[in-house]
Amino acid sequence: MPRNVAIVFEPDFADQLGKLAFHTPVWLVDTPENKRAAEVSWQAAIEWPHITVTLFRAPAEEPDQSEWCALLAQIVFQQR
């Protein structure tokens, strides 16, 4: 069964997160702005349990292939 997940690297995605998270799981780069928005989504998930937001640390400035593979492996494992 295919499953979609949004991976967001935008450092301030707060205004758009709620709408996106209502429709698909979201992996969101961890910044102060995004963390505040994620906390709002986690509270909304009490009423709407399909809302899933996961924060992740941004890769290095110039990530190598192993960093990208590690991030994608975490996402795939978490979505099972």
C-alpha atoms as a PDB file:
ATOM      1  CA  MET A   1       0.000   0.000   0.000  1.00  0.00           C
ATOM      2  CA  PRO A   2       1.675   3.262  -1.086  1.00  0.00           C
ATOM      3  CA  ARG A   3       1.846   5.997   1.492  1.00  0.00           C
ATOM      4  CA  ASN A   4       2.757   9.641   1.003  1.00  0.00           C
ATOM      5  CA  VAL A   5       4.739  11.802   3.373  1.00  0.00           C
ATOM      6  CA  ALA A   6       5.727  15.451   2.982  1.00  0.00           C
ATOM      7  CA  ILE A   7       9.328  16.371   3.776  1.00  0.00           C
ATOM      8  CA  VAL A   8       9.644  20.100   4.443  1.00  0.00           C
ATOM      9  CA  PHE A   9      13.001  21.887   4.639  1.00  0.00           C
ATOM     10  CA  GLU A  10      11.499  25.401   4.810  1.00  0.00           C
ATOM     11  CA  PRO A  11      12.783  27.014   8.042  1.00  0.00           C
ATOM     12  CA  ASP A  12       9.478  28.826   8.653  1.00  0.00           C
ATOM     13  CA  PHE A  13       6.639  26.661   7.415  1.00  0.00           C
ATOM     14  CA  ALA A  14       4.417  27.501  10.390  1.00  0.00           C
ATOM     15  CA  ASP A  15       1.579  29.134   8.448  1.00  0.00           C
ATOM     16  CA  GLN A  16       1.167  26.204   6.047  1.00  0.00           C
ATOM     17  CA  LEU A  17       1.768  23.274   8.396  1.00  0.00           C
ATOM     18  CA  GLY A  18      -1.752  22.833   9.750  1.00  0.00           C
ATOM     19  CA  LYS A  19      -3.358  22.470   6.332  1.00  0.00           C
ATOM     20  CA  LEU A  20      -0.705  20.087   5.016  1.00  0.00           C
ATOM     21  CA  ALA A  21      -0.590  17.958   8.175  1.00  0.00           C
ATOM     22  CA  PHE A  22      -4.361  17.501   8.026  1.00  0.00           C
ATOM     23  CA  HIS A  23      -3.946  15.709   4.676  1.00  0.00           C
ATOM     24  CA  THR A  24      -0.629  13.841   4.930  1.00  0.00           C
ATOM     25  CA  PRO A  25       2.091  12.999   7.468  1.00  0.00           C
ATOM     26  CA  VAL A  26       4.753  15.718   7.591  1.00  0.00           C
ATOM     27  CA  TRP A  27       8.445  15.520   8.402  1.00  0.00           C
ATOM     28  CA  LEU A  28       9.500  19.068   9.200  1.00  0.00           C
ATOM     29  CA  VAL A  29      12.945  20.578   9.689  1.00  0.00           C
ATOM     30  CA  ASP A  30      13.405  21.527  13.345  1.00  0.00           C
ATOM     31  CA  THR A  31      13.563  25.311  13.776  1.00  0.00           C
ATOM     32  CA  PRO A  32      12.010  27.423  16.545  1.00  0.00           C
ATOM     33  CA  GLU A  33       9.181  28.571  14.254  1.00  0.00           C
ATOM     34  CA  ASN A  34       8.438  25.082  12.977  1.00  0.00           C
ATOM     35  CA  LYS A  35       8.617  23.590  16.454  1.00  0.00           C
ATOM     36  CA  ARG A  36       5.927  25.988  17.703  1.00  0.00           C
ATOM     37  CA  ALA A  37       3.732  25.058  14.735  1.00  0.00           C
ATOM     38  CA  ALA A  38       4.389  21.345  15.314  1.00  0.00           C
ATOM     39  CA  GLU A  39       3.262  21.718  18.929  1.00  0.00           C
ATOM     40  CA  VAL A  40      -0.019  23.220  17.703  1.00  0.00           C
ATOM     41  CA  SER A  41      -0.440  20.276  15.312  1.00  0.00           C
ATOM     42  CA  TRP A  42       0.319  17.777  18.088  1.00  0.00           C
ATOM     43  CA  GLN A  43      -2.456  19.361  20.150  1.00  0.00           C
ATOM     44  CA  ALA A  44      -4.832  19.188  17.171  1.00  0.00           C
ATOM     45  CA  ALA A  45      -3.974  15.495  16.830  1.00  0.00           C
ATOM     46  CA  ILE A  46      -5.830  14.852  20.087  1.00  0.00           C
ATOM     47  CA  GLU A  47      -9.055  15.556  18.194  1.00  0.00           C
ATOM     48  CA  TRP A  48      -7.782  14.518  14.755  1.00  0.00           C
ATOM     49  CA  PRO A  49      -5.514  11.475  15.377  1.00  0.00           C
ATOM     50  CA  HIS A  50      -4.527  11.135  11.716  1.00  0.00           C
ATOM     51  CA  ILE A  51      -2.385  14.306  12.046  1.00  0.00           C
ATOM     52  CA  THR A  52       1.272  13.305  12.213  1.00  0.00           C
ATOM     53  CA  VAL A  53       4.136  15.800  12.400  1.00  0.00           C
ATOM     54  CA  THR A  54       7.729  14.712  13.013  1.00  0.00           C
ATOM     55  CA  LEU A  55      10.610  17.138  13.489  1.00  0.00           C
ATOM     56  CA  PHE A  56      14.091  16.320  12.186  1.00  0.00           C
ATOM     57  CA  ARG A  57      17.446  18.073  12.349  1.00  0.00           C
ATOM     58  CA  ALA A  58      18.541  19.717   9.153  1.00  0.00           C
ATOM     59  CA  PRO A  59      21.389  18.009   7.338  1.00  0.00           C
ATOM     60  CA  ALA A  60      24.760  19.733   7.150  1.00  0.00           C
ATOM     61  CA  GLU A  61      25.182  22.671   4.787  1.00  0.00           C
ATOM     62  CA  GLU A  62      26.333  20.314   2.047  1.00  0.00           C
ATOM     63  CA  PRO A  63      24.993  16.893   3.027  1.00  0.00           C
ATOM     64  CA  ASP A  64      26.602  13.836   1.516  1.00  0.00           C
ATOM     65  CA  GLN A  65      24.774  10.798   0.227  1.00  0.00           C
ATOM     66  CA  SER A  66      24.994   8.945   3.537  1.00  0.00           C
ATOM     67  CA  GLU A  67      23.210  11.784   5.380  1.00  0.00           C
ATOM     68  CA  TRP A  68      20.354  11.773   2.848  1.00  0.00           C
ATOM     69  CA  CYS A  69      20.119   7.977   3.024  1.00  0.00           C
ATOM     70  CA  ALA A  70      19.982   8.062   6.830  1.00  0.00           C
ATOM     71  CA  LEU A  71      17.172  10.633   6.797  1.00  0.00           C
ATOM     72  CA  LEU A  72      15.160   8.695   4.219  1.00  0.00           C
ATOM     73  CA  ALA A  73      15.684   5.440   6.137  1.00  0.00           C
ATOM     74  CA  GLN A  74      14.267   7.076   9.269  1.00  0.00           C
ATOM     75  CA  ILE A  75      11.220   8.282   7.362  1.00  0.00           C
ATOM     76  CA  VAL A  76      10.562   4.917   5.726  1.00  0.00           C
ATOM     77  CA  PHE A  77      10.976   3.058   9.022  1.00  0.00           C
ATOM     78  CA  GLN A  78       8.706   5.492  10.900  1.00  0.00           C
ATOM     79  CA  GLN A  79       5.941   5.311   8.281  1.00  0.00           C
ATOM     80  CA  ARG A  80       5.591   1.501   8.484  1.00  0.00           C
END
